[in-house]
Amino acid sequence: MSILLTATGETASVCPMMIMYVVIFGAFFYFVLYRPQQKERKKTSAMLAALEIGDYVLTTSGFYGTVIDITDDTVIVEFGNNKNCRIPMQKAAITQVEKADNNA
């Protein structure tokens, strides 16, 4: 009978400890992994929302260009000094934006 009491007493003390560890690890993963990604995603979407014609952009493939036209989810970017090199691409392919006022 004392074995049963000891086993149930240990189980009762282990359960709150397990819950505490789960909560601590959950909070750790939230603040270390999820929250910074969420902040970065908000910053990127704000950058793309402020995109204007004439802005100088850097694409994910490493090309620098000037925005010529903007639609809902695509942009047309002109690369280099050659005015014939205009490529349509998704807004998500833009990683960095320099405003046209900074270039002048």
PDB file of N, CA and C in Angstrom:
ATOM      1  N   MET A   1       0.818  -1.186   0.000  1.00  0.00           N
ATOM      2  CA  MET A   1       0.000   0.000   0.000  1.00  0.00           C
ATOM      3  C   MET A   1       0.867   1.257   0.000  1.00  0.00           C
ATOM      4  N   SER A   2       1.977   1.230   0.681  1.00  0.00           N
ATOM      5  CA  SER A   2       2.858   2.392   0.698  1.00  0.00           C
ATOM      6  C   SER A   2       3.484   2.636  -0.676  1.00  0.00           C
ATOM      7  N   ILE A   3       3.652   1.596  -1.457  1.00  0.00           N
ATOM      8  CA  ILE A   3       4.181   1.755  -2.809  1.00  0.00           C
ATOM      9  C   ILE A   3       3.190   2.539  -3.674  1.00  0.00           C
ATOM     10  N   LEU A   4       1.929   2.262  -3.549  1.00  0.00           N
ATOM     11  CA  LEU A   4       0.904   2.979  -4.303  1.00  0.00           C
ATOM     12  C   LEU A   4       0.847   4.447  -3.896  1.00  0.00           C
ATOM     13  N   LEU A   5       0.959   4.723  -2.623  1.00  0.00           N
ATOM     14  CA  LEU A   5       0.928   6.103  -2.157  1.00  0.00           C
ATOM     15  C   LEU A   5       2.154   6.871  -2.642  1.00  0.00           C
ATOM     16  N   THR A   6       3.305   6.230  -2.650  1.00  0.00           N
ATOM     17  CA  THR A   6       4.531   6.868  -3.110  1.00  0.00           C
ATOM     18  C   THR A   6       4.456   7.146  -4.607  1.00  0.00           C
ATOM     19  N   ALA A   7       3.943   6.200  -5.366  1.00  0.00           N
ATOM     20  CA  ALA A   7       3.846   6.372  -6.805  1.00  0.00           C
ATOM     21  C   ALA A   7       2.874   7.491  -7.160  1.00  0.00           C
ATOM     22  N   THR A   8       1.751   7.548  -6.509  1.00  0.00           N
ATOM     23  CA  THR A   8       0.795   8.617  -6.822  1.00  0.00           C
ATOM     24  C   THR A   8       1.299   9.955  -6.326  1.00  0.00           C
ATOM     25  N   GLY A   9       2.028   9.986  -5.231  1.00  0.00           N
ATOM     26  CA  GLY A   9       2.597  11.237  -4.731  1.00  0.00           C
ATOM     27  C   GLY A   9       3.653  11.779  -5.675  1.00  0.00           C
ATOM     28  N   GLU A  10       4.494  10.913  -6.245  1.00  0.00           N
ATOM     29  CA  GLU A  10       5.509  11.350  -7.200  1.00  0.00           C
ATOM     30  C   GLU A  10       4.877  11.820  -8.494  1.00  0.00           C
ATOM     31  N   THR A  11       3.856  11.113  -8.926  1.00  0.00           N
ATOM     32  CA  THR A  11       3.179  11.499 -10.161  1.00  0.00           C
ATOM     33  C   THR A  11       2.526  12.856 -10.025  1.00  0.00           C
ATOM     34  N   ALA A  12       1.973  13.124  -8.871  1.00  0.00           N
ATOM     35  CA  ALA A  12       1.323  14.413  -8.650  1.00  0.00           C
ATOM     36  C   ALA A  12       2.336  15.543  -8.669  1.00  0.00           C
ATOM     37  N   SER A  13       3.564  15.322  -8.197  1.00  0.00           N
ATOM     38  CA  SER A  13       4.577  16.378  -8.200  1.00  0.00           C
ATOM     39  C   SER A  13       5.267  16.499  -9.559  1.00  0.00           C
ATOM     40  N   VAL A  14       5.282  15.448 -10.349  1.00  0.00           N
ATOM     41  CA  VAL A  14       5.924  15.485 -11.659  1.00  0.00           C
ATOM     42  C   VAL A  14       5.051  16.226 -12.670  1.00  0.00           C
ATOM     43  N   CYS A  15       3.768  16.072 -12.573  1.00  0.00           N
ATOM     44  CA  CYS A  15       2.858  16.688 -13.551  1.00  0.00           C
ATOM     45  C   CYS A  15       2.973  18.219 -13.590  1.00  0.00           C
ATOM     46  N   PRO A  16       2.965  18.939 -12.467  1.00  0.00           N
ATOM     47  CA  PRO A  16       3.154  20.400 -12.534  1.00  0.00           C
ATOM     48  C   PRO A  16       4.533  20.793 -13.062  1.00  0.00           C
ATOM     49  N   MET A  17       5.547  19.978 -12.767  1.00  0.00           N
ATOM     50  CA  MET A  17       6.893  20.265 -13.284  1.00  0.00           C
ATOM     51  C   MET A  17       6.921  20.133 -14.806  1.00  0.00           C
ATOM     52  N   MET A  18       6.257  19.103 -15.331  1.00  0.00           N
ATOM     53  CA  MET A  18       6.202  18.916 -16.785  1.00  0.00           C
ATOM     54  C   MET A  18       5.474  20.081 -17.444  1.00  0.00           C
ATOM     55  N   ILE A  19       4.383  20.505 -16.852  1.00  0.00           N
ATOM     56  CA  ILE A  19       3.621  21.630 -17.406  1.00  0.00           C
ATOM     57  C   ILE A  19       4.462  22.897 -17.369  1.00  0.00           C
ATOM     58  N   MET A  20       5.197  23.095 -16.293  1.00  0.00           N
ATOM     59  CA  MET A  20       6.055  24.268 -16.182  1.00  0.00           C
ATOM     60  C   MET A  20       7.139  24.251 -17.265  1.00  0.00           C
ATOM     61  N   TYR A  21       7.760  23.091 -17.512  1.00  0.00           N
ATOM     62  CA  TYR A  21       8.775  22.991 -18.554  1.00  0.00           C
ATOM     63  C   TYR A  21       8.184  23.242 -19.941  1.00  0.00           C
ATOM     64  N   VAL A  22       7.018  22.738 -20.194  1.00  0.00           N
ATOM     65  CA  VAL A  22       6.366  22.956 -21.486  1.00  0.00           C
ATOM     66  C   VAL A  22       6.080  24.445 -21.689  1.00  0.00           C
ATOM     67  N   VAL A  23       5.602  25.107 -20.647  1.00  0.00           N
ATOM     68  CA  VAL A  23       5.323  26.545 -20.748  1.00  0.00           C
ATOM     69  C   VAL A  23       6.608  27.331 -20.960  1.00  0.00           C
ATOM     70  N   ILE A  24       7.662  26.980 -20.249  1.00  0.00           N
ATOM     71  CA  ILE A  24       8.947  27.689 -20.395  1.00  0.00           C
ATOM     72  C   ILE A  24       9.512  27.503 -21.800  1.00  0.00           C
ATOM     73  N   PHE A  25       9.513  26.262 -22.297  1.00  0.00           N
ATOM     74  CA  PHE A  25      10.023  26.023 -23.649  1.00  0.00           C
ATOM     75  C   PHE A  25       9.141  26.684 -24.702  1.00  0.00           C
ATOM     76  N   GLY A  26       7.837  26.686 -24.481  1.00  0.00           N
ATOM     77  CA  GLY A  26       6.933  27.360 -25.415  1.00  0.00           C
ATOM     78  C   GLY A  26       7.213  28.854 -25.477  1.00  0.00           C
ATOM     79  N   ALA A  27       7.397  29.482 -24.316  1.00  0.00           N
ATOM     80  CA  ALA A  27       7.720  30.912 -24.279  1.00  0.00           C
ATOM     81  C   ALA A  27       9.070  31.182 -24.921  1.00  0.00           C
ATOM     82  N   PHE A  28      10.041  30.309 -24.682  1.00  0.00           N
ATOM     83  CA  PHE A  28      11.361  30.471 -25.286  1.00  0.00           C
ATOM     84  C   PHE A  28      11.271  30.437 -26.811  1.00  0.00           C
ATOM     85  N   PHE A  29      10.585  29.437 -27.344  1.00  0.00           N
ATOM     86  CA  PHE A  29      10.459  29.339 -28.797  1.00  0.00           C
ATOM     87  C   PHE A  29       9.669  30.505 -29.377  1.00  0.00           C
ATOM     88  N   TYR A  30       8.676  30.995 -28.651  1.00  0.00           N
ATOM     89  CA  TYR A  30       7.915  32.139 -29.143  1.00  0.00           C
ATOM     90  C   TYR A  30       8.805  33.372 -29.256  1.00  0.00           C
ATOM     91  N   PHE A  31       9.555  33.683 -28.204  1.00  0.00           N
ATOM     92  CA  PHE A  31      10.350  34.911 -28.194  1.00  0.00           C
ATOM     93  C   PHE A  31      11.635  34.802 -29.005  1.00  0.00           C
ATOM     94  N   VAL A  32      12.157  33.593 -29.212  1.00  0.00           N
ATOM     95  CA  VAL A  32      13.405  33.446 -29.946  1.00  0.00           C
ATOM     96  C   VAL A  32      13.172  33.162 -31.427  1.00  0.00           C
ATOM     97  N   LEU A  33      12.153  32.399 -31.763  1.00  0.00           N
ATOM     98  CA  LEU A  33      11.950  31.991 -33.148  1.00  0.00           C
ATOM     99  C   LEU A  33      10.776  32.697 -33.833  1.00  0.00           C
ATOM    100  N   TYR A  34       9.609  32.645 -33.244  1.00  0.00           N
ATOM    101  CA  TYR A  34       8.406  33.107 -33.927  1.00  0.00           C
ATOM    102  C   TYR A  34       8.296  34.627 -33.976  1.00  0.00           C
ATOM    103  N   ARG A  35       8.519  35.298 -32.874  1.00  0.00           N
ATOM    104  CA  ARG A  35       8.326  36.748 -32.802  1.00  0.00           C
ATOM    105  C   ARG A  35       9.282  37.527 -33.723  1.00  0.00           C
ATOM    106  N   PRO A  36      10.579  37.198 -33.781  1.00  0.00           N
ATOM    107  CA  PRO A  36      11.448  37.924 -34.717  1.00  0.00           C
ATOM    108  C   PRO A  36      11.051  37.726 -36.180  1.00  0.00           C
ATOM    109  N   GLN A  37      10.594  36.523 -36.539  1.00  0.00           N
ATOM    110  CA  GLN A  37      10.133  36.302 -37.911  1.00  0.00           C
ATOM    111  C   GLN A  37       8.905  37.131 -38.204  1.00  0.00           C
ATOM    112  N   GLN A  38       8.021  37.250 -37.238  1.00  0.00           N
ATOM    113  CA  GLN A  38       6.814  38.040 -37.420  1.00  0.00           C
ATOM    114  C   GLN A  38       7.161  39.521 -37.606  1.00  0.00           C
ATOM    115  N   LYS A  39       8.106  40.028 -36.828  1.00  0.00           N
ATOM    116  CA  LYS A  39       8.549  41.417 -36.983  1.00  0.00           C
ATOM    117  C   LYS A  39       9.168  41.648 -38.357  1.00  0.00           C
ATOM    118  N   GLU A  40      10.004  40.716 -38.804  1.00  0.00           N
ATOM    119  CA  GLU A  40      10.652  40.839 -40.114  1.00  0.00           C
ATOM    120  C   GLU A  40       9.612  40.808 -41.234  1.00  0.00           C
ATOM    121  N   ARG A  41       8.615  39.962 -41.097  1.00  0.00           N
ATOM    122  CA  ARG A  41       7.548  39.864 -42.100  1.00  0.00           C
ATOM    123  C   ARG A  41       6.763  41.176 -42.178  1.00  0.00           C
ATOM    124  N   LYS A  42       6.479  41.794 -41.026  1.00  0.00           N
ATOM    125  CA  LYS A  42       5.770  43.081 -41.009  1.00  0.00           C
ATOM    126  C   LYS A  42       6.618  44.178 -41.651  1.00  0.00           C
ATOM    127  N   LYS A  43       7.917  44.170 -41.360  1.00  0.00           N
ATOM    128  CA  LYS A  43       8.820  45.172 -41.924  1.00  0.00           C
ATOM    129  C   LYS A  43       8.904  45.032 -43.446  1.00  0.00           C
ATOM    130  N   THR A  44       8.985  43.800 -43.930  1.00  0.00           N
ATOM    131  CA  THR A  44       9.061  43.556 -45.366  1.00  0.00           C
ATOM    132  C   THR A  44       7.770  43.959 -46.063  1.00  0.00           C
ATOM    133  N   SER A  45       6.629  43.633 -45.472  1.00  0.00           N
ATOM    134  CA  SER A  45       5.362  44.010 -46.107  1.00  0.00           C
ATOM    135  C   SER A  45       5.170  45.515 -46.101  1.00  0.00           C
ATOM    136  N   ALA A  46       5.634  46.214 -45.072  1.00  0.00           N
ATOM    137  CA  ALA A  46       5.563  47.671 -45.053  1.00  0.00           C
ATOM    138  C   ALA A  46       6.469  48.272 -46.116  1.00  0.00           C
ATOM    139  N   MET A  47       7.650  47.677 -46.323  1.00  0.00           N
ATOM    140  CA  MET A  47       8.574  48.153 -47.344  1.00  0.00           C
ATOM    141  C   MET A  47       7.958  47.996 -48.736  1.00  0.00           C
ATOM    142  N   LEU A  48       7.328  46.850 -48.990  1.00  0.00           N
ATOM    143  CA  LEU A  48       6.726  46.617 -50.298  1.00  0.00           C
ATOM    144  C   LEU A  48       5.480  47.467 -50.509  1.00  0.00           C
ATOM    145  N   ALA A  49       4.763  47.787 -49.441  1.00  0.00           N
ATOM    146  CA  ALA A  49       3.590  48.653 -49.565  1.00  0.00           C
ATOM    147  C   ALA A  49       3.990  50.088 -49.905  1.00  0.00           C
ATOM    148  N   ALA A  50       5.169  50.507 -49.458  1.00  0.00           N
ATOM    149  CA  ALA A  50       5.644  51.865 -49.715  1.00  0.00           C
ATOM    150  C   ALA A  50       6.419  51.974 -51.028  1.00  0.00           C
ATOM    151  N   LEU A  51       6.480  50.895 -51.794  1.00  0.00           N
ATOM    152  CA  LEU A  51       7.216  50.885 -53.059  1.00  0.00           C
ATOM    153  C   LEU A  51       6.550  51.820 -54.063  1.00  0.00           C
ATOM    154  N   GLU A  52       7.356  52.637 -54.734  1.00  0.00           N
ATOM    155  CA  GLU A  52       6.840  53.610 -55.707  1.00  0.00           C
ATOM    156  C   GLU A  52       7.621  53.501 -57.004  1.00  0.00           C
ATOM    157  N   ILE A  53       7.039  54.036 -58.052  1.00  0.00           N
ATOM    158  CA  ILE A  53       7.714  54.076 -59.351  1.00  0.00           C
ATOM    159  C   ILE A  53       8.932  54.985 -59.245  1.00  0.00           C
ATOM    160  N   GLY A  54      10.058  54.517 -59.756  1.00  0.00           N
ATOM    161  CA  GLY A  54      11.299  55.280 -59.715  1.00  0.00           C
ATOM    162  C   GLY A  54      12.224  54.858 -58.589  1.00  0.00           C
ATOM    163  N   ASP A  55      11.763  54.023 -57.685  1.00  0.00           N
ATOM    164  CA  ASP A  55      12.614  53.547 -56.593  1.00  0.00           C
ATOM    165  C   ASP A  55      13.675  52.599 -57.128  1.00  0.00           C
ATOM    166  N   TYR A  56      14.815  52.621 -56.491  1.00  0.00           N
ATOM    167  CA  TYR A  56      15.942  51.768 -56.837  1.00  0.00           C
ATOM    168  C   TYR A  56      15.868  50.539 -55.944  1.00  0.00           C
ATOM    169  N   VAL A  57      15.807  49.335 -56.517  1.00  0.00           N
ATOM    170  CA  VAL A  57      15.574  48.115 -55.741  1.00  0.00           C
ATOM    171  C   VAL A  57      16.687  47.093 -55.955  1.00  0.00           C
ATOM    172  N   LEU A  58      16.814  46.204 -54.981  1.00  0.00           N
ATOM    173  CA  LEU A  58      17.694  45.039 -55.057  1.00  0.00           C
ATOM    174  C   LEU A  58      16.795  43.810 -55.025  1.00  0.00           C
ATOM    175  N   THR A  59      16.983  42.901 -55.979  1.00  0.00           N
ATOM    176  CA  THR A  59      16.155  41.702 -56.047  1.00  0.00           C
ATOM    177  C   THR A  59      16.820  40.550 -55.300  1.00  0.00           C
ATOM    178  N   THR A  60      16.079  39.471 -55.097  1.00  0.00           N
ATOM    179  CA  THR A  60      16.628  38.306 -54.400  1.00  0.00           C
ATOM    180  C   THR A  60      17.742  37.649 -55.196  1.00  0.00           C
ATOM    181  N   SER A  61      17.769  37.853 -56.504  1.00  0.00           N
ATOM    182  CA  SER A  61      18.829  37.264 -57.324  1.00  0.00           C
ATOM    183  C   SER A  61      20.079  38.139 -57.366  1.00  0.00           C
ATOM    184  N   GLY A  62      20.036  39.319 -56.736  1.00  0.00           N
ATOM    185  CA  GLY A  62      21.217  40.157 -56.639  1.00  0.00           C
ATOM    186  C   GLY A  62      21.311  41.256 -57.680  1.00  0.00           C
ATOM    187  N   PHE A  63      20.263  41.468 -58.463  1.00  0.00           N
ATOM    188  CA  PHE A  63      20.269  42.511 -59.487  1.00  0.00           C
ATOM    189  C   PHE A  63      19.707  43.810 -58.923  1.00  0.00           C
ATOM    190  N   TYR A  64      20.355  44.920 -59.307  1.00  0.00           N
ATOM    191  CA  TYR A  64      19.873  46.242 -58.950  1.00  0.00           C
ATOM    192  C   TYR A  64      19.100  46.793 -60.141  1.00  0.00           C
ATOM    193  N   GLY A  65      17.995  47.472 -59.869  1.00  0.00           N
ATOM    194  CA  GLY A  65      17.216  48.033 -60.948  1.00  0.00           C
ATOM    195  C   GLY A  65      16.295  49.131 -60.458  1.00  0.00           C
ATOM    196  N   THR A  66      15.597  49.744 -61.408  1.00  0.00           N
ATOM    197  CA  THR A  66      14.656  50.819 -61.126  1.00  0.00           C
ATOM    198  C   THR A  66      13.250  50.345 -61.439  1.00  0.00           C
ATOM    199  N   VAL A  67      12.311  50.644 -60.547  1.00  0.00           N
ATOM    200  CA  VAL A  67      10.926  50.244 -60.737  1.00  0.00           C
ATOM    201  C   VAL A  67      10.289  51.137 -61.798  1.00  0.00           C
ATOM    202  N   ILE A  68       9.699  50.507 -62.821  1.00  0.00           N
ATOM    203  CA  ILE A  68       9.061  51.236 -63.919  1.00  0.00           C
ATOM    204  C   ILE A  68       7.545  51.240 -63.780  1.00  0.00           C
ATOM    205  N   ASP A  69       6.976  50.096 -63.363  1.00  0.00           N
ATOM    206  CA  ASP A  69       5.523  49.984 -63.243  1.00  0.00           C
ATOM    207  C   ASP A  69       5.198  49.051 -62.081  1.00  0.00           C
ATOM    208  N   ILE A  70       4.062  49.310 -61.416  1.00  0.00           N
ATOM    209  CA  ILE A  70       3.637  48.505 -60.276  1.00  0.00           C
ATOM    210  C   ILE A  70       2.186  48.091 -60.485  1.00  0.00           C
ATOM    211  N   THR A  71       1.912  46.785 -60.302  1.00  0.00           N
ATOM    212  CA  THR A  71       0.538  46.296 -60.253  1.00  0.00           C
ATOM    213  C   THR A  71       0.319  45.684 -58.863  1.00  0.00           C
ATOM    214  N   ASP A  72      -0.753  44.918 -58.696  1.00  0.00           N
ATOM    215  CA  ASP A  72      -1.082  44.386 -57.375  1.00  0.00           C
ATOM    216  C   ASP A  72       0.039  43.553 -56.774  1.00  0.00           C
ATOM    217  N   ASP A  73       0.502  42.537 -57.499  1.00  0.00           N
ATOM    218  CA  ASP A  73       1.527  41.660 -56.935  1.00  0.00           C
ATOM    219  C   ASP A  73       2.775  41.550 -57.806  1.00  0.00           C
ATOM    220  N   THR A  74       2.846  42.317 -58.879  1.00  0.00           N
ATOM    221  CA  THR A  74       4.029  42.299 -59.741  1.00  0.00           C
ATOM    222  C   THR A  74       4.552  43.713 -59.961  1.00  0.00           C
ATOM    223  N   VAL A  75       5.815  43.777 -60.302  1.00  0.00           N
ATOM    224  CA  VAL A  75       6.449  45.046 -60.667  1.00  0.00           C
ATOM    225  C   VAL A  75       7.263  44.816 -61.934  1.00  0.00           C
ATOM    226  N   ILE A  76       7.470  45.865 -62.690  1.00  0.00           N
ATOM    227  CA  ILE A  76       8.359  45.805 -63.844  1.00  0.00           C
ATOM    228  C   ILE A  76       9.601  46.598 -63.472  1.00  0.00           C
ATOM    229  N   VAL A  77      10.747  45.928 -63.536  1.00  0.00           N
ATOM    230  CA  VAL A  77      12.012  46.529 -63.124  1.00  0.00           C
ATOM    231  C   VAL A  77      12.911  46.671 -64.339  1.00  0.00           C
ATOM    232  N   GLU A  78      13.542  47.836 -64.452  1.00  0.00           N
ATOM    233  CA  GLU A  78      14.477  48.120 -65.541  1.00  0.00           C
ATOM    234  C   GLU A  78      15.891  47.971 -64.990  1.00  0.00           C
ATOM    235  N   PHE A  79      16.699  47.139 -65.643  1.00  0.00           N
ATOM    236  CA  PHE A  79      18.045  46.848 -65.171  1.00  0.00           C
ATOM    237  C   PHE A  79      19.078  47.529 -66.046  1.00  0.00           C
ATOM    238  N   GLY A  80      20.097  48.105 -65.421  1.00  0.00           N
ATOM    239  CA  GLY A  80      21.231  48.684 -66.130  1.00  0.00           C
ATOM    240  C   GLY A  80      20.882  49.944 -66.888  1.00  0.00           C
ATOM    241  N   ASN A  81      21.830  50.382 -67.720  1.00  0.00           N
ATOM    242  CA  ASN A  81      21.635  51.588 -68.524  1.00  0.00           C
ATOM    243  C   ASN A  81      20.858  51.312 -69.796  1.00  0.00           C
ATOM    244  N   ASN A  82      20.757  50.054 -70.176  1.00  0.00           N
ATOM    245  CA  ASN A  82      20.026  49.675 -71.368  1.00  0.00           C
ATOM    246  C   ASN A  82      18.532  49.777 -71.096  1.00  0.00           C
ATOM    247  N   LYS A  83      17.845  50.671 -71.772  1.00  0.00           N
ATOM    248  CA  LYS A  83      16.421  50.902 -71.525  1.00  0.00           C
ATOM    249  C   LYS A  83      15.549  49.769 -72.055  1.00  0.00           C
ATOM    250  N   ASN A  84      16.119  48.807 -72.766  1.00  0.00           N
ATOM    251  CA  ASN A  84      15.349  47.702 -73.310  1.00  0.00           C
ATOM    252  C   ASN A  84      15.265  46.515 -72.363  1.00  0.00           C
ATOM    253  N   CYS A  85      15.978  46.543 -71.264  1.00  0.00           N
ATOM    254  CA  CYS A  85      16.009  45.416 -70.337  1.00  0.00           C
ATOM    255  C   CYS A  85      15.018  45.652 -69.204  1.00  0.00           C
ATOM    256  N   ARG A  86      13.756  45.334 -69.468  1.00  0.00           N
ATOM    257  CA  ARG A  86      12.688  45.484 -68.477  1.00  0.00           C
ATOM    258  C   ARG A  86      12.101  44.114 -68.203  1.00  0.00           C
ATOM    259  N   ILE A  87      12.065  43.734 -66.933  1.00  0.00           N
ATOM    260  CA  ILE A  87      11.622  42.392 -66.568  1.00  0.00           C
ATOM    261  C   ILE A  87      10.501  42.488 -65.532  1.00  0.00           C
ATOM    262  N   PRO A  88       9.367  41.830 -65.813  1.00  0.00           N
ATOM    263  CA  PRO A  88       8.322  41.758 -64.782  1.00  0.00           C
ATOM    264  C   PRO A  88       8.680  40.709 -63.740  1.00  0.00           C
ATOM    265  N   MET A  89       8.430  41.012 -62.479  1.00  0.00           N
ATOM    266  CA  MET A  89       8.714  40.063 -61.399  1.00  0.00           C
ATOM    267  C   MET A  89       7.740  40.288 -60.251  1.00  0.00           C
ATOM    268  N   GLN A  90       7.682  39.322 -59.357  1.00  0.00           N
ATOM    269  CA  GLN A  90       6.817  39.428 -58.197  1.00  0.00           C
ATOM    270  C   GLN A  90       7.398  40.427 -57.203  1.00  0.00           C
ATOM    271  N   LYS A  91       6.506  41.058 -56.442  1.00  0.00           N
ATOM    272  CA  LYS A  91       6.967  41.987 -55.409  1.00  0.00           C
ATOM    273  C   LYS A  91       7.792  41.267 -54.350  1.00  0.00           C
ATOM    274  N   ALA A  92       7.480  40.007 -54.117  1.00  0.00           N
ATOM    275  CA  ALA A  92       8.196  39.240 -53.093  1.00  0.00           C
ATOM    276  C   ALA A  92       9.669  39.038 -53.447  1.00  0.00           C
ATOM    277  N   ALA A  93      10.044  39.245 -54.701  1.00  0.00           N
ATOM    278  CA  ALA A  93      11.431  39.084 -55.122  1.00  0.00           C
ATOM    279  C   ALA A  93      12.285  40.304 -54.794  1.00  0.00           C
ATOM    280  N   ILE A  94      11.687  41.344 -54.245  1.00  0.00           N
ATOM    281  CA  ILE A  94      12.421  42.555 -53.886  1.00  0.00           C
ATOM    282  C   ILE A  94      12.837  42.457 -52.425  1.00  0.00           C
ATOM    283  N   THR A  95      14.136  42.630 -52.163  1.00  0.00           N
ATOM    284  CA  THR A  95      14.639  42.507 -50.799  1.00  0.00           C
ATOM    285  C   THR A  95      15.029  43.835 -50.172  1.00  0.00           C
ATOM    286  N   GLN A  96      15.340  44.842 -50.997  1.00  0.00           N
ATOM    287  CA  GLN A  96      15.786  46.121 -50.466  1.00  0.00           C
ATOM    288  C   GLN A  96      15.309  47.227 -51.376  1.00  0.00           C
ATOM    289  N   VAL A  97      14.927  48.364 -50.787  1.00  0.00           N
ATOM    290  CA  VAL A  97      14.418  49.498 -51.562  1.00  0.00           C
ATOM    291  C   VAL A  97      15.144  50.756 -51.133  1.00  0.00           C
ATOM    292  N   GLU A  98      15.616  51.521 -52.121  1.00  0.00           N
ATOM    293  CA  GLU A  98      16.148  52.863 -51.875  1.00  0.00           C
ATOM    294  C   GLU A  98      15.216  53.827 -52.579  1.00  0.00           C
ATOM    295  N   LYS A  99      14.736  54.798 -51.867  1.00  0.00           N
ATOM    296  CA  LYS A  99      13.790  55.756 -52.441  1.00  0.00           C
ATOM    297  C   LYS A  99      14.461  56.597 -53.518  1.00  0.00           C
ATOM    298  N   ALA A 100      13.659  57.056 -54.468  1.00  0.00           N
ATOM    299  CA  ALA A 100      14.166  57.846 -55.588  1.00  0.00           C
ATOM    300  C   ALA A 100      14.757  59.165 -55.110  1.00  0.00           C
ATOM    301  N   ASP A 101      14.260  59.731 -54.004  1.00  0.00           N
ATOM    302  CA  ASP A 101      14.779  60.996 -53.492  1.00  0.00           C
ATOM    303  C   ASP A 101      16.203  60.857 -53.000  1.00  0.00           C
ATOM    304  N   ASN A 102      16.600  59.685 -52.505  1.00  0.00           N
ATOM    305  CA  ASN A 102      17.963  59.452 -52.003  1.00  0.00           C
ATOM    306  C   ASN A 102      18.985  59.405 -53.129  1.00  0.00           C
ATOM    307  N   ASN A 103      18.555  58.989 -54.334  1.00  0.00           N
ATOM    308  CA  ASN A 103      19.477  58.878 -55.458  1.00  0.00           C
ATOM    309  C   ASN A 103      19.794  60.216 -56.081  1.00  0.00           C
ATOM    310  N   ALA A 104      18.928  61.185 -55.942  1.00  0.00           N
ATOM    311  CA  ALA A 104      19.124  62.475 -56.600  1.00  0.00           C
ATOM    312  C   ALA A 104      20.181  63.313 -55.944  1.00  0.00           C
TER     313      ALA A 104
END
